[in-house]
Amino acid sequence: MIVVNDRISLDEGELDFEFIRSSGPGGQNVNKVSTAVRLRFNATESPSLPEDVRRRLITLAGRRIGGDGFLTILAQTERTQESNRRDAVERLVELIAKACEKPKPRRPSRPTLGSQKRRLESKRKHSESKARRRDLGPSDE
């Protein structure tokens, strides 16, 4: 069991790991050893996630969730499979923990009386400066 918080724990059977060849530098190992990890997690049908957390997770994950509902995380920064596997799981746990936080509701505020007066004063000044530029009509000269 992977513990996210006191309310959510993930079963390790829900995570699908695929080991692939890592890109970038790595010397002679880079073409021989599959150290990169692609973690797939079915975010849309996971029984471990409450519905509100699932909705926020899908929104947070963005393009990392495919059309099939699987969240994909690629980890390839480390040189061993186990380190990359651990990194991918930690990133998934962080993402789910962030999705557990309920967004603070926005409370609309009203502008202060002083800010309203300043805004109207600046509009009046702007209007006066434009009025001075207007053509006053035909002149007698």
N, C-alpha and C. Protein backbone atom coordinates (compact mmCIF):
# COMPACT_ATOMS: atom_id res chain seq x y z
N MET A 1 0.83 -1.19 0.00
CA MET A 1 0.00 0.00 0.00
C MET A 1 0.88 1.25 0.00
N ILE A 2 0.49 2.19 -0.84
CA ILE A 2 1.18 3.48 -0.91
C ILE A 2 0.27 4.50 -0.24
N VAL A 3 0.74 5.08 0.85
CA VAL A 3 -0.08 6.01 1.62
C VAL A 3 0.12 7.43 1.07
N VAL A 4 -0.99 8.06 0.67
CA VAL A 4 -0.95 9.43 0.19
C VAL A 4 -1.20 10.37 1.36
N ASN A 5 -2.27 10.13 2.10
CA ASN A 5 -2.57 10.86 3.33
C ASN A 5 -3.42 9.97 4.21
N ASP A 6 -3.98 10.50 5.28
CA ASP A 6 -4.76 9.68 6.20
C ASP A 6 -6.05 9.15 5.58
N ARG A 7 -6.49 9.77 4.48
CA ARG A 7 -7.75 9.41 3.84
C ARG A 7 -7.57 8.51 2.62
N ILE A 8 -6.43 8.61 1.94
CA ILE A 8 -6.24 7.91 0.67
C ILE A 8 -4.98 7.04 0.71
N SER A 9 -5.15 5.78 0.32
CA SER A 9 -4.04 4.86 0.12
C SER A 9 -4.24 4.16 -1.22
N LEU A 10 -3.16 4.01 -1.96
CA LEU A 10 -3.23 3.37 -3.27
C LEU A 10 -2.73 1.94 -3.17
N ASP A 11 -3.42 1.03 -3.81
CA ASP A 11 -2.94 -0.35 -3.91
C ASP A 11 -1.88 -0.40 -5.00
N GLU A 12 -0.78 -1.08 -4.73
CA GLU A 12 0.31 -1.13 -5.72
C GLU A 12 -0.11 -1.84 -6.99
N GLY A 13 -1.17 -2.62 -6.94
CA GLY A 13 -1.68 -3.30 -8.12
C GLY A 13 -2.33 -2.34 -9.11
N GLU A 14 -2.68 -1.15 -8.64
CA GLU A 14 -3.28 -0.14 -9.53
C GLU A 14 -2.23 0.55 -10.40
N LEU A 15 -0.96 0.42 -10.03
CA LEU A 15 0.10 1.08 -10.77
C LEU A 15 0.70 0.11 -11.79
N ASP A 16 0.88 0.60 -13.00
CA ASP A 16 1.46 -0.22 -14.06
C ASP A 16 2.81 0.40 -14.44
N PHE A 17 3.89 -0.36 -14.27
CA PHE A 17 5.23 0.14 -14.58
C PHE A 17 5.72 -0.49 -15.88
N GLU A 18 6.32 0.36 -16.72
CA GLU A 18 6.95 -0.12 -17.95
C GLU A 18 8.36 0.46 -17.97
N PHE A 19 9.33 -0.40 -18.17
CA PHE A 19 10.72 0.05 -18.19
C PHE A 19 11.18 0.20 -19.64
N ILE A 20 11.67 1.38 -19.96
CA ILE A 20 12.07 1.70 -21.33
C ILE A 20 13.48 2.28 -21.33
N ARG A 21 14.06 2.40 -22.50
CA ARG A 21 15.38 2.99 -22.60
C ARG A 21 15.28 4.48 -22.38
N SER A 22 16.20 4.98 -21.59
CA SER A 22 16.22 6.39 -21.25
C SER A 22 16.91 7.18 -22.35
N SER A 23 16.48 8.42 -22.56
CA SER A 23 17.15 9.28 -23.53
C SER A 23 18.24 10.08 -22.83
N GLY A 24 19.10 10.70 -23.60
CA GLY A 24 20.13 11.56 -23.02
C GLY A 24 21.41 10.81 -22.73
N PRO A 25 22.32 11.46 -22.00
CA PRO A 25 23.63 10.86 -21.74
C PRO A 25 23.53 9.65 -20.82
N GLY A 26 24.51 8.79 -20.90
CA GLY A 26 24.53 7.62 -20.04
C GLY A 26 25.69 6.70 -20.37
N GLY A 27 26.50 7.11 -21.32
CA GLY A 27 27.67 6.31 -21.67
C GLY A 27 27.27 5.04 -22.39
N GLN A 28 27.98 3.97 -22.13
CA GLN A 28 27.74 2.70 -22.82
C GLN A 28 26.42 2.07 -22.40
N ASN A 29 25.94 2.40 -21.20
CA ASN A 29 24.70 1.80 -20.71
C ASN A 29 23.46 2.28 -21.45
N VAL A 30 23.50 3.47 -22.02
CA VAL A 30 22.28 4.10 -22.53
C VAL A 30 21.59 3.25 -23.60
N ASN A 31 22.35 2.51 -24.39
CA ASN A 31 21.75 1.70 -25.44
C ASN A 31 21.47 0.26 -25.03
N LYS A 32 21.84 -0.11 -23.81
CA LYS A 32 21.70 -1.50 -23.39
C LYS A 32 20.69 -1.70 -22.26
N VAL A 33 20.57 -0.73 -21.38
CA VAL A 33 19.79 -0.93 -20.15
C VAL A 33 18.54 -0.06 -20.17
N SER A 34 17.42 -0.67 -19.85
CA SER A 34 16.15 0.06 -19.80
C SER A 34 15.95 0.59 -18.38
N THR A 35 16.42 1.82 -18.13
CA THR A 35 16.34 2.37 -16.78
C THR A 35 15.19 3.35 -16.60
N ALA A 36 14.68 3.91 -17.67
CA ALA A 36 13.57 4.87 -17.54
C ALA A 36 12.29 4.11 -17.19
N VAL A 37 11.41 4.79 -16.45
CA VAL A 37 10.17 4.18 -16.00
C VAL A 37 8.99 4.99 -16.50
N ARG A 38 8.02 4.31 -17.09
CA ARG A 38 6.75 4.94 -17.46
C ARG A 38 5.70 4.35 -16.54
N LEU A 39 5.17 5.19 -15.64
CA LEU A 39 4.16 4.76 -14.68
C LEU A 39 2.79 5.13 -15.24
N ARG A 40 1.88 4.18 -15.23
CA ARG A 40 0.50 4.45 -15.68
C ARG A 40 -0.44 4.14 -14.52
N PHE A 41 -1.37 5.07 -14.31
CA PHE A 41 -2.33 4.95 -13.22
C PHE A 41 -3.70 5.31 -13.75
N ASN A 42 -4.68 4.42 -13.58
CA ASN A 42 -6.02 4.67 -14.09
C ASN A 42 -6.75 5.63 -13.16
N ALA A 43 -6.65 6.92 -13.47
CA ALA A 43 -7.22 7.95 -12.60
C ALA A 43 -8.74 7.98 -12.66
N THR A 44 -9.31 7.63 -13.79
CA THR A 44 -10.76 7.76 -13.94
C THR A 44 -11.52 6.62 -13.27
N GLU A 45 -10.89 5.46 -13.10
CA GLU A 45 -11.62 4.31 -12.53
C GLU A 45 -10.99 3.75 -11.26
N SER A 46 -10.08 4.48 -10.64
CA SER A 46 -9.42 3.98 -9.44
C SER A 46 -10.39 3.96 -8.26
N PRO A 47 -10.53 2.81 -7.60
CA PRO A 47 -11.43 2.76 -6.45
C PRO A 47 -10.86 3.46 -5.22
N SER A 48 -9.58 3.81 -5.24
CA SER A 48 -8.94 4.44 -4.09
C SER A 48 -9.23 5.93 -3.98
N LEU A 49 -9.68 6.55 -5.08
CA LEU A 49 -9.86 8.00 -5.08
C LEU A 49 -11.33 8.38 -4.88
N PRO A 50 -11.60 9.29 -3.95
CA PRO A 50 -12.95 9.85 -3.85
C PRO A 50 -13.26 10.70 -5.09
N GLU A 51 -14.52 10.89 -5.37
CA GLU A 51 -14.92 11.57 -6.62
C GLU A 51 -14.40 13.00 -6.72
N ASP A 52 -14.43 13.75 -5.61
CA ASP A 52 -13.95 15.14 -5.68
C ASP A 52 -12.45 15.21 -5.95
N VAL A 53 -11.68 14.29 -5.36
CA VAL A 53 -10.24 14.24 -5.59
C VAL A 53 -9.96 13.81 -7.04
N ARG A 54 -10.75 12.87 -7.54
CA ARG A 54 -10.58 12.40 -8.92
C ARG A 54 -10.77 13.55 -9.92
N ARG A 55 -11.80 14.36 -9.71
CA ARG A 55 -12.04 15.50 -10.62
C ARG A 55 -10.89 16.49 -10.58
N ARG A 56 -10.42 16.82 -9.38
CA ARG A 56 -9.31 17.77 -9.27
C ARG A 56 -8.02 17.19 -9.83
N LEU A 57 -7.80 15.87 -9.66
CA LEU A 57 -6.60 15.23 -10.20
C LEU A 57 -6.61 15.28 -11.73
N ILE A 58 -7.74 15.02 -12.34
CA ILE A 58 -7.84 15.05 -13.80
C ILE A 58 -7.56 16.46 -14.31
N THR A 59 -8.05 17.47 -13.59
CA THR A 59 -7.79 18.85 -13.98
C THR A 59 -6.32 19.20 -13.81
N LEU A 60 -5.74 18.80 -12.68
CA LEU A 60 -4.33 19.10 -12.42
C LEU A 60 -3.39 18.39 -13.40
N ALA A 61 -3.70 17.17 -13.74
CA ALA A 61 -2.81 16.38 -14.59
C ALA A 61 -2.76 16.91 -16.02
N GLY A 62 -3.84 17.49 -16.50
CA GLY A 62 -3.84 18.09 -17.83
C GLY A 62 -3.54 17.09 -18.92
N ARG A 63 -2.47 17.35 -19.69
CA ARG A 63 -2.14 16.51 -20.84
C ARG A 63 -1.55 15.16 -20.45
N ARG A 64 -1.19 15.00 -19.18
CA ARG A 64 -0.62 13.72 -18.75
C ARG A 64 -1.67 12.62 -18.69
N ILE A 65 -2.97 13.00 -18.77
CA ILE A 65 -4.03 12.00 -18.81
C ILE A 65 -4.45 11.83 -20.26
N GLY A 66 -4.40 10.58 -20.72
CA GLY A 66 -4.76 10.29 -22.11
C GLY A 66 -6.26 10.08 -22.25
N GLY A 67 -6.67 9.80 -23.46
CA GLY A 67 -8.08 9.57 -23.75
C GLY A 67 -8.62 8.34 -23.06
N ASP A 68 -7.74 7.41 -22.71
CA ASP A 68 -8.17 6.18 -22.03
C ASP A 68 -8.34 6.37 -20.53
N GLY A 69 -8.03 7.57 -20.01
CA GLY A 69 -8.18 7.85 -18.58
C GLY A 69 -6.98 7.50 -17.74
N PHE A 70 -5.89 7.09 -18.37
CA PHE A 70 -4.69 6.73 -17.63
C PHE A 70 -3.78 7.94 -17.48
N LEU A 71 -3.30 8.15 -16.27
CA LEU A 71 -2.33 9.19 -15.98
C LEU A 71 -0.95 8.58 -16.21
N THR A 72 -0.12 9.23 -17.02
CA THR A 72 1.20 8.71 -17.35
C THR A 72 2.28 9.62 -16.80
N ILE A 73 3.22 9.05 -16.08
CA ILE A 73 4.36 9.80 -15.53
C ILE A 73 5.63 9.11 -16.01
N LEU A 74 6.52 9.87 -16.63
CA LEU A 74 7.79 9.34 -17.13
C LEU A 74 8.91 9.82 -16.21
N ALA A 75 9.71 8.89 -15.71
CA ALA A 75 10.84 9.23 -14.84
C ALA A 75 12.10 8.64 -15.46
N GLN A 76 13.08 9.52 -15.77
CA GLN A 76 14.30 9.03 -16.39
C GLN A 76 15.54 9.79 -15.94
N THR A 77 15.43 10.51 -14.83
CA THR A 77 16.57 11.34 -14.40
C THR A 77 17.65 10.53 -13.69
N GLU A 78 17.28 9.43 -13.06
CA GLU A 78 18.24 8.62 -12.31
C GLU A 78 18.87 7.56 -13.20
N ARG A 79 19.90 6.88 -12.67
CA ARG A 79 20.63 5.89 -13.48
C ARG A 79 20.18 4.45 -13.22
N THR A 80 19.27 4.26 -12.24
CA THR A 80 18.80 2.90 -11.97
C THR A 80 17.29 2.83 -12.08
N GLN A 81 16.81 1.63 -12.38
CA GLN A 81 15.37 1.41 -12.48
C GLN A 81 14.68 1.72 -11.16
N GLU A 82 15.26 1.24 -10.08
CA GLU A 82 14.62 1.41 -8.77
C GLU A 82 14.50 2.88 -8.39
N SER A 83 15.54 3.67 -8.65
CA SER A 83 15.49 5.10 -8.33
C SER A 83 14.43 5.81 -9.17
N ASN A 84 14.37 5.47 -10.45
CA ASN A 84 13.36 6.08 -11.33
C ASN A 84 11.95 5.65 -10.94
N ARG A 85 11.82 4.40 -10.52
CA ARG A 85 10.51 3.88 -10.08
C ARG A 85 10.05 4.66 -8.83
N ARG A 86 10.98 4.82 -7.89
CA ARG A 86 10.66 5.56 -6.67
C ARG A 86 10.29 7.01 -6.99
N ASP A 87 11.03 7.63 -7.91
CA ASP A 87 10.76 9.01 -8.31
C ASP A 87 9.37 9.13 -8.93
N ALA A 88 9.00 8.19 -9.79
CA ALA A 88 7.68 8.23 -10.45
C ALA A 88 6.56 8.10 -9.42
N VAL A 89 6.72 7.19 -8.47
CA VAL A 89 5.70 6.99 -7.43
C VAL A 89 5.59 8.25 -6.56
N GLU A 90 6.72 8.84 -6.19
CA GLU A 90 6.70 10.06 -5.37
C GLU A 90 5.97 11.19 -6.10
N ARG A 91 6.22 11.34 -7.40
CA ARG A 91 5.55 12.38 -8.17
C ARG A 91 4.05 12.14 -8.27
N LEU A 92 3.64 10.87 -8.39
CA LEU A 92 2.22 10.54 -8.40
C LEU A 92 1.58 10.88 -7.06
N VAL A 93 2.25 10.52 -5.97
CA VAL A 93 1.72 10.79 -4.63
C VAL A 93 1.60 12.30 -4.41
N GLU A 94 2.60 13.07 -4.86
CA GLU A 94 2.54 14.54 -4.72
C GLU A 94 1.36 15.11 -5.50
N LEU A 95 1.13 14.59 -6.70
CA LEU A 95 0.03 15.08 -7.53
C LEU A 95 -1.32 14.77 -6.88
N ILE A 96 -1.46 13.57 -6.35
CA ILE A 96 -2.72 13.20 -5.69
C ILE A 96 -2.90 14.01 -4.41
N ALA A 97 -1.82 14.23 -3.66
CA ALA A 97 -1.91 15.03 -2.43
C ALA A 97 -2.34 16.45 -2.75
N LYS A 98 -1.82 16.99 -3.85
CA LYS A 98 -2.21 18.34 -4.26
C LYS A 98 -3.69 18.37 -4.67
N ALA A 99 -4.16 17.28 -5.28
CA ALA A 99 -5.56 17.21 -5.68
C ALA A 99 -6.48 17.06 -4.47
N CYS A 100 -5.95 16.61 -3.34
CA CYS A 100 -6.76 16.46 -2.13
C CYS A 100 -7.09 17.81 -1.49
N GLU A 101 -6.27 18.82 -1.77
CA GLU A 101 -6.50 20.14 -1.18
C GLU A 101 -7.70 20.80 -1.84
N LYS A 102 -8.67 21.15 -1.02
CA LYS A 102 -9.86 21.81 -1.56
C LYS A 102 -9.52 23.26 -1.88
N PRO A 103 -9.92 23.73 -3.06
CA PRO A 103 -9.63 25.12 -3.39
C PRO A 103 -10.41 26.08 -2.49
N LYS A 104 -9.76 27.17 -2.13
CA LYS A 104 -10.40 28.15 -1.28
C LYS A 104 -11.45 28.89 -2.11
N PRO A 105 -12.68 28.98 -1.62
CA PRO A 105 -13.71 29.66 -2.42
C PRO A 105 -13.42 31.15 -2.53
N ARG A 106 -13.65 31.69 -3.71
CA ARG A 106 -13.40 33.11 -3.93
C ARG A 106 -14.57 33.91 -3.38
N ARG A 107 -14.26 34.90 -2.59
CA ARG A 107 -15.28 35.79 -2.07
C ARG A 107 -15.10 37.14 -2.75
N PRO A 108 -16.07 37.53 -3.54
CA PRO A 108 -15.90 38.80 -4.26
C PRO A 108 -15.83 39.98 -3.29
N SER A 109 -14.94 40.89 -3.57
CA SER A 109 -14.79 42.07 -2.71
C SER A 109 -15.22 43.30 -3.49
N ARG A 110 -15.56 44.34 -2.76
CA ARG A 110 -15.97 45.59 -3.40
C ARG A 110 -14.81 46.57 -3.32
N PRO A 111 -14.67 47.41 -4.36
CA PRO A 111 -13.61 48.41 -4.29
C PRO A 111 -13.89 49.41 -3.17
N THR A 112 -12.82 49.91 -2.54
CA THR A 112 -13.00 50.86 -1.45
C THR A 112 -13.48 52.19 -2.00
N LEU A 113 -14.03 53.03 -1.14
CA LEU A 113 -14.53 54.33 -1.55
C LEU A 113 -13.40 55.18 -2.11
N GLY A 114 -12.24 55.12 -1.47
CA GLY A 114 -11.09 55.89 -1.94
C GLY A 114 -10.66 55.48 -3.34
N SER A 115 -10.62 54.17 -3.60
CA SER A 115 -10.20 53.70 -4.93
C SER A 115 -11.23 54.09 -5.98
N GLN A 116 -12.51 54.09 -5.62
CA GLN A 116 -13.54 54.53 -6.57
C GLN A 116 -13.35 56.00 -6.92
N LYS A 117 -13.08 56.83 -5.91
CA LYS A 117 -12.88 58.27 -6.15
C LYS A 117 -11.64 58.51 -7.01
N ARG A 118 -10.55 57.81 -6.70
CA ARG A 118 -9.32 57.96 -7.51
C ARG A 118 -9.56 57.56 -8.96
N ARG A 119 -10.31 56.49 -9.18
CA ARG A 119 -10.60 56.05 -10.54
C ARG A 119 -11.41 57.10 -11.29
N LEU A 120 -12.43 57.63 -10.67
CA LEU A 120 -13.26 58.65 -11.31
C LEU A 120 -12.47 59.92 -11.58
N GLU A 121 -11.59 60.29 -10.65
CA GLU A 121 -10.76 61.49 -10.84
C GLU A 121 -9.82 61.33 -12.03
N SER A 122 -9.21 60.15 -12.15
CA SER A 122 -8.30 59.94 -13.28
C SER A 122 -9.07 59.92 -14.60
N LYS A 123 -10.28 59.39 -14.58
CA LYS A 123 -11.10 59.41 -15.80
C LYS A 123 -11.46 60.85 -16.18
N ARG A 124 -11.76 61.68 -15.19
CA ARG A 124 -12.13 63.07 -15.46
C ARG A 124 -10.94 63.83 -16.05
N LYS A 125 -9.74 63.61 -15.48
CA LYS A 125 -8.54 64.28 -16.00
C LYS A 125 -8.25 63.85 -17.43
N HIS A 126 -8.40 62.58 -17.70
CA HIS A 126 -8.15 62.05 -19.04
C HIS A 126 -9.14 62.67 -20.03
N SER A 127 -10.38 62.78 -19.62
CA SER A 127 -11.41 63.36 -20.47
C SER A 127 -11.12 64.83 -20.75
N GLU A 128 -10.68 65.56 -19.73
CA GLU A 128 -10.37 66.98 -19.93
C GLU A 128 -9.20 67.17 -20.88
N SER A 129 -8.17 66.33 -20.76
CA SER A 129 -7.01 66.48 -21.65
C SER A 129 -7.41 66.17 -23.10
N LYS A 130 -8.31 65.24 -23.30
CA LYS A 130 -8.76 64.94 -24.67
C LYS A 130 -9.67 66.07 -25.18
N ALA A 131 -10.45 66.66 -24.29
CA ALA A 131 -11.35 67.75 -24.70
C ALA A 131 -10.55 68.96 -25.16
N ARG A 132 -9.39 69.21 -24.55
CA ARG A 132 -8.54 70.33 -24.96
C ARG A 132 -7.98 70.15 -26.37
N ARG A 133 -7.89 68.93 -26.83
CA ARG A 133 -7.33 68.66 -28.16
C ARG A 133 -8.37 68.81 -29.26
N ARG A 134 -9.62 68.89 -28.91
CA ARG A 134 -10.67 68.95 -29.93
C ARG A 134 -10.60 70.23 -30.75
N ASP A 135 -11.06 70.12 -31.97
CA ASP A 135 -11.15 71.28 -32.85
C ASP A 135 -12.35 72.10 -32.39
N LEU A 136 -12.15 73.40 -32.18
CA LEU A 136 -13.21 74.24 -31.64
C LEU A 136 -14.10 74.81 -32.74
N GLY A 137 -13.97 74.36 -33.94
CA GLY A 137 -14.79 74.85 -35.05
C GLY A 137 -13.99 75.78 -35.95
N PRO A 138 -14.65 76.33 -36.98
CA PRO A 138 -13.92 77.19 -37.92
C PRO A 138 -13.52 78.51 -37.25
N SER A 139 -12.34 78.95 -37.55
CA SER A 139 -11.85 80.20 -36.97
C SER A 139 -12.05 81.32 -37.99
N ASP A 140 -12.06 82.59 -37.54
CA ASP A 140 -12.33 83.74 -38.40
C ASP A 140 -11.09 84.15 -39.21
N GLU A 141 -10.00 83.61 -38.95
CA GLU A 141 -8.77 84.02 -39.65
C GLU A 141 -8.64 83.48 -41.01
